[in-house]
PDB file of all heavy atoms in Angstrom:
ATOM      1  N   THR A   1       0.859  -1.194   0.000  1.00  0.00           N
ATOM      2  CA  THR A   1       0.000   0.000   0.000  1.00  0.00           C
ATOM      3  C   THR A   1       0.888   1.235   0.000  1.00  0.00           C
ATOM      4  O   THR A   1       2.057   1.172   0.394  1.00  0.00           O
ATOM      5  CB  THR A   1      -0.918   0.011   1.228  1.00  0.00           C
ATOM      6  OG1 THR A   1      -0.113  -0.196   2.412  1.00  0.00           O
ATOM      7  CG2 THR A   1      -1.971  -1.083   1.151  1.00  0.00           C
ATOM      8  N   MET A   2       0.327   2.383  -0.381  1.00  0.00           N
ATOM      9  CA  MET A   2       1.118   3.582  -0.627  1.00  0.00           C
ATOM     10  C   MET A   2       0.589   4.805   0.121  1.00  0.00           C
ATOM     11  O   MET A   2      -0.573   4.846   0.527  1.00  0.00           O
ATOM     12  CB  MET A   2       1.118   3.910  -2.127  1.00  0.00           C
ATOM     13  CG  MET A   2       1.688   2.820  -3.008  1.00  0.00           C
ATOM     14  SD  MET A   2       3.450   2.537  -2.691  1.00  0.00           S
ATOM     15  CE  MET A   2       3.908   1.616  -4.163  1.00  0.00           C
ATOM     16  N   ILE A   3       1.459   5.830   0.222  1.00  0.00           N
ATOM     17  CA  ILE A   3       1.021   7.128   0.755  1.00  0.00           C
ATOM     18  C   ILE A   3       0.933   8.156  -0.380  1.00  0.00           C
ATOM     19  O   ILE A   3       0.899   9.357  -0.123  1.00  0.00           O
ATOM     20  CB  ILE A   3       1.939   7.639   1.882  1.00  0.00           C
ATOM     21  CG1 ILE A   3       3.344   7.943   1.349  1.00  0.00           C
ATOM     22  CG2 ILE A   3       1.986   6.657   3.046  1.00  0.00           C
ATOM     23  CD1 ILE A   3       4.195   8.771   2.310  1.00  0.00           C
ATOM     24  N   TYR A   4       0.893   7.684  -1.623  1.00  0.00           N
ATOM     25  CA  TYR A   4       0.726   8.566  -2.782  1.00  0.00           C
ATOM     26  C   TYR A   4      -0.177   7.843  -3.780  1.00  0.00           C
ATOM     27  O   TYR A   4      -0.352   6.612  -3.707  1.00  0.00           O
ATOM     28  CB  TYR A   4       2.084   8.895  -3.417  1.00  0.00           C
ATOM     29  CG  TYR A   4       2.756   7.730  -4.108  1.00  0.00           C
ATOM     30  CD1 TYR A   4       2.555   7.480  -5.469  1.00  0.00           C
ATOM     31  CD2 TYR A   4       3.595   6.866  -3.414  1.00  0.00           C
ATOM     32  CE1 TYR A   4       3.174   6.409  -6.115  1.00  0.00           C
ATOM     33  CE2 TYR A   4       4.215   5.794  -4.043  1.00  0.00           C
ATOM     34  CZ  TYR A   4       4.002   5.571  -5.392  1.00  0.00           C
ATOM     35  OH  TYR A   4       4.597   4.500  -6.019  1.00  0.00           O
ATOM     36  N   PRO A   5      -0.766   8.566  -4.716  1.00  0.00           N
ATOM     37  CA  PRO A   5      -1.638   7.912  -5.709  1.00  0.00           C
ATOM     38  C   PRO A   5      -0.800   7.120  -6.701  1.00  0.00           C
ATOM     39  O   PRO A   5      -0.135   7.685  -7.573  1.00  0.00           O
ATOM     40  CB  PRO A   5      -2.358   9.094  -6.377  1.00  0.00           C
ATOM     41  CG  PRO A   5      -1.448  10.267  -6.164  1.00  0.00           C
ATOM     42  CD  PRO A   5      -0.774  10.034  -4.848  1.00  0.00           C
ATOM     43  N   SER A   6      -0.826   5.811  -6.598  1.00  0.00           N
ATOM     44  CA  SER A   6       0.016   4.937  -7.396  1.00  0.00           C
ATOM     45  C   SER A   6      -0.783   4.220  -8.477  1.00  0.00           C
ATOM     46  O   SER A   6      -1.958   3.867  -8.270  1.00  0.00           O
ATOM     47  CB  SER A   6       0.689   3.900  -6.493  1.00  0.00           C
ATOM     48  OG  SER A   6       1.358   2.912  -7.247  1.00  0.00           O
ATOM     49  N   GLU A   7      -0.119   3.979  -9.591  1.00  0.00           N
ATOM     50  CA  GLU A   7      -0.728   3.192 -10.657  1.00  0.00           C
ATOM     51  C   GLU A   7      -0.806   1.719 -10.276  1.00  0.00           C
ATOM     52  O   GLU A   7      -1.618   0.971 -10.808  1.00  0.00           O
ATOM     53  CB  GLU A   7       0.119   3.355 -11.939  1.00  0.00           C
ATOM     54  CG  GLU A   7      -0.330   2.519 -13.106  1.00  0.00           C
ATOM     55  CD  GLU A   7       0.623   2.612 -14.281  1.00  0.00           C
ATOM     56  OE1 GLU A   7       1.481   3.526 -14.292  1.00  0.00           O
ATOM     57  OE2 GLU A   7       0.526   1.756 -15.197  1.00  0.00           O
ATOM     58  N   TYR A   8       0.024   1.314  -9.306  1.00  0.00           N
ATOM     59  CA  TYR A   8       0.190  -0.112  -9.036  1.00  0.00           C
ATOM     60  C   TYR A   8      -0.467  -0.592  -7.745  1.00  0.00           C
ATOM     61  O   TYR A   8      -0.912  -1.742  -7.682  1.00  0.00           O
ATOM     62  CB  TYR A   8       1.689  -0.446  -8.981  1.00  0.00           C
ATOM     63  CG  TYR A   8       2.424  -0.113 -10.243  1.00  0.00           C
ATOM     64  CD1 TYR A   8       3.232   1.012 -10.320  1.00  0.00           C
ATOM     65  CD2 TYR A   8       2.284  -0.906 -11.382  1.00  0.00           C
ATOM     66  CE1 TYR A   8       3.909   1.331 -11.496  1.00  0.00           C
ATOM     67  CE2 TYR A   8       2.951  -0.598 -12.561  1.00  0.00           C
ATOM     68  CZ  TYR A   8       3.757   0.524 -12.604  1.00  0.00           C
ATOM     69  OH  TYR A   8       4.407   0.842 -13.775  1.00  0.00           O
ATOM     70  N   GLU A   9      -0.523   0.237  -6.727  1.00  0.00           N
ATOM     71  CA  GLU A   9      -1.007  -0.237  -5.425  1.00  0.00           C
ATOM     72  C   GLU A   9      -1.951   0.778  -4.779  1.00  0.00           C
ATOM     73  O   GLU A   9      -1.852   1.989  -5.042  1.00  0.00           O
ATOM     74  CB  GLU A   9       0.184  -0.536  -4.494  1.00  0.00           C
ATOM     75  CG  GLU A   9       1.015  -1.702  -5.012  1.00  0.00           C
ATOM     76  CD  GLU A   9       2.129  -2.137  -4.078  1.00  0.00           C
ATOM     77  OE1 GLU A   9       2.492  -1.370  -3.154  1.00  0.00           O
ATOM     78  OE2 GLU A   9       2.654  -3.253  -4.267  1.00  0.00           O
ATOM     79  N   PRO A  10      -2.853   0.294  -3.909  1.00  0.00           N
ATOM     80  CA  PRO A  10      -3.852   1.181  -3.312  1.00  0.00           C
ATOM     81  C   PRO A  10      -3.279   2.044  -2.183  1.00  0.00           C
ATOM     82  O   PRO A  10      -2.170   1.830  -1.704  1.00  0.00           O
ATOM     83  CB  PRO A  10      -4.885   0.185  -2.760  1.00  0.00           C
ATOM     84  CG  PRO A  10      -4.097  -1.052  -2.462  1.00  0.00           C
ATOM     85  CD  PRO A  10      -3.041  -1.123  -3.530  1.00  0.00           C
ATOM     86  N   TRP A  11      -4.072   3.026  -1.778  1.00  0.00           N
ATOM     87  CA  TRP A  11      -3.717   3.875  -0.641  1.00  0.00           C
ATOM     88  C   TRP A  11      -3.650   3.049   0.641  1.00  0.00           C
ATOM     89  O   TRP A  11      -4.466   2.162   0.873  1.00  0.00           O
ATOM     90  CB  TRP A  11      -4.767   4.962  -0.431  1.00  0.00           C
ATOM     91  CG  TRP A  11      -4.755   6.079  -1.419  1.00  0.00           C
ATOM     92  CD1 TRP A  11      -5.525   6.188  -2.543  1.00  0.00           C
ATOM     93  CD2 TRP A  11      -3.945   7.257  -1.363  1.00  0.00           C
ATOM     94  NE1 TRP A  11      -5.255   7.365  -3.193  1.00  0.00           N
ATOM     95  CE2 TRP A  11      -4.284   8.048  -2.489  1.00  0.00           C
ATOM     96  CE3 TRP A  11      -2.977   7.723  -0.478  1.00  0.00           C
ATOM     97  CZ2 TRP A  11      -3.684   9.275  -2.751  1.00  0.00           C
ATOM     98  CZ3 TRP A  11      -2.382   8.960  -0.723  1.00  0.00           C
ATOM     99  CH2 TRP A  11      -2.726   9.715  -1.858  1.00  0.00           C
ATOM    100  N   ASP A  12      -2.683   3.363   1.479  1.00  0.00           N
ATOM    101  CA  ASP A  12      -2.674   2.786   2.817  1.00  0.00           C
ATOM    102  C   ASP A  12      -3.702   3.523   3.674  1.00  0.00           C
ATOM    103  O   ASP A  12      -4.003   4.694   3.435  1.00  0.00           O
ATOM    104  CB  ASP A  12      -1.292   2.913   3.453  1.00  0.00           C
ATOM    105  CG  ASP A  12      -1.191   2.115   4.744  1.00  0.00           C
ATOM    106  OD1 ASP A  12      -1.007   0.886   4.667  1.00  0.00           O
ATOM    107  OD2 ASP A  12      -1.310   2.719   5.828  1.00  0.00           O
ATOM    108  N   GLY A  13      -4.193   2.858   4.706  1.00  0.00           N
ATOM    109  CA  GLY A  13      -5.216   3.461   5.551  1.00  0.00           C
ATOM    110  C   GLY A  13      -4.679   4.413   6.611  1.00  0.00           C
ATOM    111  O   GLY A  13      -5.466   5.032   7.335  1.00  0.00           O
ATOM    112  N   CYS A  14      -3.348   4.554   6.720  1.00  0.00           N
ATOM    113  CA  CYS A  14      -2.796   5.396   7.789  1.00  0.00           C
ATOM    114  C   CYS A  14      -3.157   6.862   7.621  1.00  0.00           C
ATOM    115  O   CYS A  14      -3.176   7.615   8.600  1.00  0.00           O
ATOM    116  CB  CYS A  14      -1.281   5.237   7.863  1.00  0.00           C
ATOM    117  SG  CYS A  14      -0.386   5.929   6.442  1.00  0.00           S
ATOM    118  N   LEU A  15      -3.454   7.284   6.397  1.00  0.00           N
ATOM    119  CA  LEU A  15      -3.719   8.699   6.137  1.00  0.00           C
ATOM    120  C   LEU A  15      -5.198   9.059   6.295  1.00  0.00           C
ATOM    121  O   LEU A  15      -5.542  10.045   6.956  1.00  0.00           O
ATOM    122  CB  LEU A  15      -3.247   9.067   4.729  1.00  0.00           C
ATOM    123  CG  LEU A  15      -1.738   8.944   4.486  1.00  0.00           C
ATOM    124  CD1 LEU A  15      -1.437   8.940   2.999  1.00  0.00           C
ATOM    125  CD2 LEU A  15      -1.003  10.085   5.177  1.00  0.00           C
ATOM    126  N   SER A  16      -6.066   8.254   5.692  1.00  0.00           N
ATOM    127  CA  SER A  16      -7.504   8.571   5.719  1.00  0.00           C
ATOM    128  C   SER A  16      -8.273   7.807   6.788  1.00  0.00           C
ATOM    129  O   SER A  16      -9.408   8.180   7.123  1.00  0.00           O
ATOM    130  CB  SER A  16      -8.130   8.269   4.355  1.00  0.00           C
ATOM    131  OG  SER A  16      -8.159   6.862   4.132  1.00  0.00           O
ATOM    132  N   GLY A  17      -7.660   6.726   7.304  1.00  0.00           N
ATOM    133  CA  GLY A  17      -8.380   5.869   8.247  1.00  0.00           C
ATOM    134  C   GLY A  17      -9.087   4.725   7.562  1.00  0.00           C
ATOM    135  O   GLY A  17      -9.603   3.828   8.226  1.00  0.00           O
ATOM    136  N   PHE A  18      -9.096   4.737   6.224  1.00  0.00           N
ATOM    137  CA  PHE A  18      -9.787   3.702   5.457  1.00  0.00           C
ATOM    138  C   PHE A  18      -8.842   3.191   4.371  1.00  0.00           C
ATOM    139  O   PHE A  18      -8.510   3.941   3.440  1.00  0.00           O
ATOM    140  CB  PHE A  18     -11.068   4.248   4.814  1.00  0.00           C
ATOM    141  CG  PHE A  18     -12.073   4.750   5.803  1.00  0.00           C
ATOM    142  CD1 PHE A  18     -12.147   6.111   6.107  1.00  0.00           C
ATOM    143  CD2 PHE A  18     -12.939   3.874   6.444  1.00  0.00           C
ATOM    144  CE1 PHE A  18     -13.068   6.579   7.023  1.00  0.00           C
ATOM    145  CE2 PHE A  18     -13.875   4.338   7.363  1.00  0.00           C
ATOM    146  CZ  PHE A  18     -13.944   5.703   7.659  1.00  0.00           C
ATOM    147  N   PRO A  19      -8.388   1.929   4.436  1.00  0.00           N
ATOM    148  CA  PRO A  19      -7.511   1.388   3.390  1.00  0.00           C
ATOM    149  C   PRO A  19      -8.146   1.534   2.016  1.00  0.00           C
ATOM    150  O   PRO A  19      -9.327   1.216   1.829  1.00  0.00           O
ATOM    151  CB  PRO A  19      -7.351  -0.083   3.788  1.00  0.00           C
ATOM    152  CG  PRO A  19      -7.595  -0.103   5.268  1.00  0.00           C
ATOM    153  CD  PRO A  19      -8.643   0.944   5.515  1.00  0.00           C
ATOM    154  N   GLY A  20      -7.356   2.031   1.064  1.00  0.00           N
ATOM    155  CA  GLY A  20      -7.846   2.207  -0.297  1.00  0.00           C
ATOM    156  C   GLY A  20      -8.456   3.566  -0.571  1.00  0.00           C
ATOM    157  O   GLY A  20      -8.734   3.888  -1.728  1.00  0.00           O
ATOM    158  N   ARG A  21      -8.639   4.398   0.472  1.00  0.00           N
ATOM    159  CA  ARG A  21      -9.273   5.706   0.282  1.00  0.00           C
ATOM    160  C   ARG A  21      -8.234   6.821   0.343  1.00  0.00           C
ATOM    161  O   ARG A  21      -7.374   6.839   1.215  1.00  0.00           O
ATOM    162  CB  ARG A  21     -10.344   5.951   1.343  1.00  0.00           C
ATOM    163  CG  ARG A  21     -11.065   7.297   1.167  1.00  0.00           C
ATOM    164  CD  ARG A  21     -12.077   7.546   2.258  1.00  0.00           C
ATOM    165  NE  ARG A  21     -13.141   6.544   2.258  1.00  0.00           N
ATOM    166  CZ  ARG A  21     -14.189   6.576   3.085  1.00  0.00           C
ATOM    167  NH1 ARG A  21     -14.278   7.550   4.000  1.00  0.00           N
ATOM    168  NH2 ARG A  21     -15.116   5.635   3.031  1.00  0.00           N
ATOM    169  N   SER A  22      -8.363   7.768  -0.583  1.00  0.00           N
ATOM    170  CA  SER A  22      -7.443   8.898  -0.628  1.00  0.00           C
ATOM    171  C   SER A  22      -7.660   9.829   0.569  1.00  0.00           C
ATOM    172  O   SER A  22      -8.801  10.046   0.990  1.00  0.00           O
ATOM    173  CB  SER A  22      -7.655   9.690  -1.920  1.00  0.00           C
ATOM    174  OG  SER A  22      -6.983  10.936  -1.857  1.00  0.00           O
ATOM    175  N   PRO A  23      -6.598  10.436   1.105  1.00  0.00           N
ATOM    176  CA  PRO A  23      -6.744  11.417   2.174  1.00  0.00           C
ATOM    177  C   PRO A  23      -7.090  12.802   1.641  1.00  0.00           C
ATOM    178  O   PRO A  23      -7.245  13.750   2.423  1.00  0.00           O
ATOM    179  CB  PRO A  23      -5.361  11.415   2.833  1.00  0.00           C
ATOM    180  CG  PRO A  23      -4.427  11.119   1.712  1.00  0.00           C
ATOM    181  CD  PRO A  23      -5.178  10.150   0.811  1.00  0.00           C
ATOM    182  N   GLY A  24      -7.171  12.935   0.312  1.00  0.00           N
ATOM    183  CA  GLY A  24      -7.506  14.229  -0.273  1.00  0.00           C
ATOM    184  C   GLY A  24      -6.300  15.019  -0.732  1.00  0.00           C
ATOM    185  O   GLY A  24      -6.442  16.133  -1.249  1.00  0.00           O
ATOM    186  N   TYR A  25      -5.116  14.464  -0.562  1.00  0.00           N
ATOM    187  CA  TYR A  25      -3.899  15.120  -1.026  1.00  0.00           C
ATOM    188  C   TYR A  25      -2.810  14.074  -1.203  1.00  0.00           C
ATOM    189  O   TYR A  25      -2.943  12.944  -0.728  1.00  0.00           O
ATOM    190  CB  TYR A  25      -3.448  16.217  -0.052  1.00  0.00           C
ATOM    191  CG  TYR A  25      -2.844  15.700   1.243  1.00  0.00           C
ATOM    192  CD1 TYR A  25      -1.470  15.777   1.466  1.00  0.00           C
ATOM    193  CD2 TYR A  25      -3.629  15.132   2.248  1.00  0.00           C
ATOM    194  CE1 TYR A  25      -0.897  15.310   2.643  1.00  0.00           C
ATOM    195  CE2 TYR A  25      -3.074  14.676   3.433  1.00  0.00           C
ATOM    196  CZ  TYR A  25      -1.709  14.762   3.628  1.00  0.00           C
ATOM    197  OH  TYR A  25      -1.141  14.293   4.790  1.00  0.00           O
ATOM    198  N   ASP A  26      -1.744  14.463  -1.892  1.00  0.00           N
ATOM    199  CA  ASP A  26      -0.614  13.571  -2.148  1.00  0.00           C
ATOM    200  C   ASP A  26       0.401  13.745  -1.013  1.00  0.00           C
ATOM    201  O   ASP A  26       1.142  14.732  -0.976  1.00  0.00           O
ATOM    202  CB  ASP A  26       0.018  13.915  -3.500  1.00  0.00           C
ATOM    203  CG  ASP A  26       1.109  12.939  -3.924  1.00  0.00           C
ATOM    204  OD1 ASP A  26       1.766  12.371  -3.039  1.00  0.00           O
ATOM    205  OD2 ASP A  26       1.315  12.777  -5.155  1.00  0.00           O
ATOM    206  N   ALA A  27       0.429  12.794  -0.087  1.00  0.00           N
ATOM    207  CA  ALA A  27       1.274  12.937   1.106  1.00  0.00           C
ATOM    208  C   ALA A  27       2.760  12.917   0.768  1.00  0.00           C
ATOM    209  O   ALA A  27       3.564  13.598   1.419  1.00  0.00           O
ATOM    210  CB  ALA A  27       0.947  11.835   2.118  1.00  0.00           C
ATOM    211  N   LEU A  28       3.157  12.141  -0.239  1.00  0.00           N
ATOM    212  CA  LEU A  28       4.577  12.092  -0.598  1.00  0.00           C
ATOM    213  C   LEU A  28       5.027  13.417  -1.191  1.00  0.00           C
ATOM    214  O   LEU A  28       6.090  13.951  -0.817  1.00  0.00           O
ATOM    215  CB  LEU A  28       4.827  10.952  -1.589  1.00  0.00           C
ATOM    216  CG  LEU A  28       6.273  10.786  -2.057  1.00  0.00           C
ATOM    217  CD1 LEU A  28       7.227  10.589  -0.885  1.00  0.00           C
ATOM    218  CD2 LEU A  28       6.389   9.617  -3.043  1.00  0.00           C
ATOM    219  N   ALA A  29       4.249  13.973  -2.105  1.00  0.00           N
ATOM    220  CA  ALA A  29       4.600  15.270  -2.692  1.00  0.00           C
ATOM    221  C   ALA A  29       4.655  16.350  -1.617  1.00  0.00           C
ATOM    222  O   ALA A  29       5.559  17.198  -1.616  1.00  0.00           O
ATOM    223  CB  ALA A  29       3.593  15.645  -3.776  1.00  0.00           C
ATOM    224  N   PHE A  30       3.706  16.319  -0.698  1.00  0.00           N
ATOM    225  CA  PHE A  30       3.686  17.303   0.385  1.00  0.00           C
ATOM    226  C   PHE A  30       4.936  17.187   1.257  1.00  0.00           C
ATOM    227  O   PHE A  30       5.585  18.187   1.584  1.00  0.00           O
ATOM    228  CB  PHE A  30       2.430  17.097   1.234  1.00  0.00           C
ATOM    229  CG  PHE A  30       2.354  17.987   2.443  1.00  0.00           C
ATOM    230  CD1 PHE A  30       1.994  19.322   2.316  1.00  0.00           C
ATOM    231  CD2 PHE A  30       2.643  17.495   3.707  1.00  0.00           C
ATOM    232  CE1 PHE A  30       1.931  20.149   3.435  1.00  0.00           C
ATOM    233  CE2 PHE A  30       2.588  18.300   4.820  1.00  0.00           C
ATOM    234  CZ  PHE A  30       2.226  19.640   4.688  1.00  0.00           C
ATOM    235  N   ALA A  31       5.305  15.952   1.621  1.00  0.00           N
ATOM    236  CA  ALA A  31       6.466  15.732   2.479  1.00  0.00           C
ATOM    237  C   ALA A  31       7.754  16.175   1.795  1.00  0.00           C
ATOM    238  O   ALA A  31       8.637  16.772   2.427  1.00  0.00           O
ATOM    239  CB  ALA A  31       6.555  14.263   2.877  1.00  0.00           C
ATOM    240  N   ILE A  32       7.887  15.877   0.509  1.00  0.00           N
ATOM    241  CA  ILE A  32       9.085  16.277  -0.231  1.00  0.00           C
ATOM    242  C   ILE A  32       9.224  17.794  -0.235  1.00  0.00           C
ATOM    243  O   ILE A  32      10.303  18.350   0.035  1.00  0.00           O
ATOM    244  CB  ILE A  32       9.047  15.723  -1.668  1.00  0.00           C
ATOM    245  CG1 ILE A  32       9.179  14.202  -1.656  1.00  0.00           C
ATOM    246  CG2 ILE A  32      10.146  16.357  -2.526  1.00  0.00           C
ATOM    247  CD1 ILE A  32       8.943  13.552  -3.001  1.00  0.00           C
ATOM    248  N   ASP A  33       8.130  18.470  -0.515  1.00  0.00           N
ATOM    249  CA  ASP A  33       8.158  19.938  -0.558  1.00  0.00           C
ATOM    250  C   ASP A  33       8.543  20.514   0.807  1.00  0.00           C
ATOM    251  O   ASP A  33       9.383  21.421   0.898  1.00  0.00           O
ATOM    252  CB  ASP A  33       6.784  20.457  -0.990  1.00  0.00           C
ATOM    253  CG  ASP A  33       6.769  21.960  -1.158  1.00  0.00           C
ATOM    254  OD1 ASP A  33       7.655  22.497  -1.850  1.00  0.00           O
ATOM    255  OD2 ASP A  33       5.873  22.619  -0.588  1.00  0.00           O
ATOM    256  N   GLU A  34       7.977  19.977   1.880  1.00  0.00           N
ATOM    257  CA  GLU A  34       8.254  20.500   3.213  1.00  0.00           C
ATOM    258  C   GLU A  34       9.688  20.185   3.654  1.00  0.00           C
ATOM    259  O   GLU A  34      10.338  20.997   4.318  1.00  0.00           O
ATOM    260  CB  GLU A  34       7.252  19.934   4.223  1.00  0.00           C
ATOM    261  CG  GLU A  34       5.821  20.411   4.024  1.00  0.00           C
ATOM    262  CD  GLU A  34       5.670  21.921   4.213  1.00  0.00           C
ATOM    263  OE1 GLU A  34       6.384  22.488   5.070  1.00  0.00           O
ATOM    264  OE2 GLU A  34       4.843  22.523   3.507  1.00  0.00           O
ATOM    265  N   CYS A  35      10.194  19.021   3.303  1.00  0.00           N
ATOM    266  CA  CYS A  35      11.582  18.684   3.645  1.00  0.00           C
ATOM    267  C   CYS A  35      12.553  19.601   2.901  1.00  0.00           C
ATOM    268  O   CYS A  35      13.515  20.116   3.484  1.00  0.00           O
ATOM    269  CB  CYS A  35      11.879  17.227   3.306  1.00  0.00           C
ATOM    270  SG  CYS A  35      11.212  16.026   4.475  1.00  0.00           S
ATOM    271  N   HIS A  36      12.303  19.818   1.628  1.00  0.00           N
ATOM    272  CA  HIS A  36      13.199  20.652   0.833  1.00  0.00           C
ATOM    273  C   HIS A  36      13.185  22.104   1.303  1.00  0.00           C
ATOM    274  O   HIS A  36      14.218  22.786   1.241  1.00  0.00           O
ATOM    275  CB  HIS A  36      12.836  20.550  -0.644  1.00  0.00           C
ATOM    276  CG  HIS A  36      13.239  19.251  -1.262  1.00  0.00           C
ATOM    277  ND1 HIS A  36      12.947  18.904  -2.574  1.00  0.00           N
ATOM    278  CD2 HIS A  36      13.924  18.195  -0.754  1.00  0.00           C
ATOM    279  CE1 HIS A  36      13.435  17.700  -2.837  1.00  0.00           C
ATOM    280  NE2 HIS A  36      14.021  17.246  -1.737  1.00  0.00           N
ATOM    281  N   LYS A  37      12.054  22.579   1.765  1.00  0.00           N
ATOM    282  CA  LYS A  37      11.999  23.932   2.317  1.00  0.00           C
ATOM    283  C   LYS A  37      12.945  24.083   3.506  1.00  0.00           C
ATOM    284  O   LYS A  37      13.448  25.171   3.778  1.00  0.00           O
ATOM    285  CB  LYS A  37      10.581  24.261   2.783  1.00  0.00           C
ATOM    286  CG  LYS A  37       9.586  24.545   1.686  1.00  0.00           C
ATOM    287  CD  LYS A  37       8.221  24.821   2.285  1.00  0.00           C
ATOM    288  CE  LYS A  37       7.165  25.045   1.207  1.00  0.00           C
ATOM    289  NZ  LYS A  37       5.819  25.249   1.808  1.00  0.00           N
ATOM    290  N   ARG A  38      13.167  22.980   4.221  1.00  0.00           N
ATOM    291  CA  ARG A  38      14.008  23.003   5.422  1.00  0.00           C
ATOM    292  C   ARG A  38      15.432  22.520   5.142  1.00  0.00           C
ATOM    293  O   ARG A  38      16.198  22.287   6.073  1.00  0.00           O
ATOM    294  CB  ARG A  38      13.358  22.151   6.511  1.00  0.00           C
ATOM    295  CG  ARG A  38      12.049  22.754   7.018  1.00  0.00           C
ATOM    296  CD  ARG A  38      11.175  21.736   7.738  1.00  0.00           C
ATOM    297  NE  ARG A  38       9.959  22.333   8.268  1.00  0.00           N
ATOM    298  CZ  ARG A  38       8.883  22.614   7.543  1.00  0.00           C
ATOM    299  NH1 ARG A  38       8.857  22.344   6.242  1.00  0.00           N
ATOM    300  NH2 ARG A  38       7.819  23.164   8.099  1.00  0.00           N
ATOM    301  N   GLY A  39      15.757  22.356   3.867  1.00  0.00           N
ATOM    302  CA  GLY A  39      17.104  21.951   3.498  1.00  0.00           C
ATOM    303  C   GLY A  39      17.428  20.500   3.765  1.00  0.00           C
ATOM    304  O   GLY A  39      18.601  20.117   3.844  1.00  0.00           O
TER     305      GLY A  39
END
């Protein structure tokens, strides 16, 4: 399962509380952007 919208595997439930359901945003893209802002 994934924390981003994948062509191959479903969403993990850790983000939305429901396995297979999107949390409404791309958690990997968000994390990358926030990490890079902090160097």
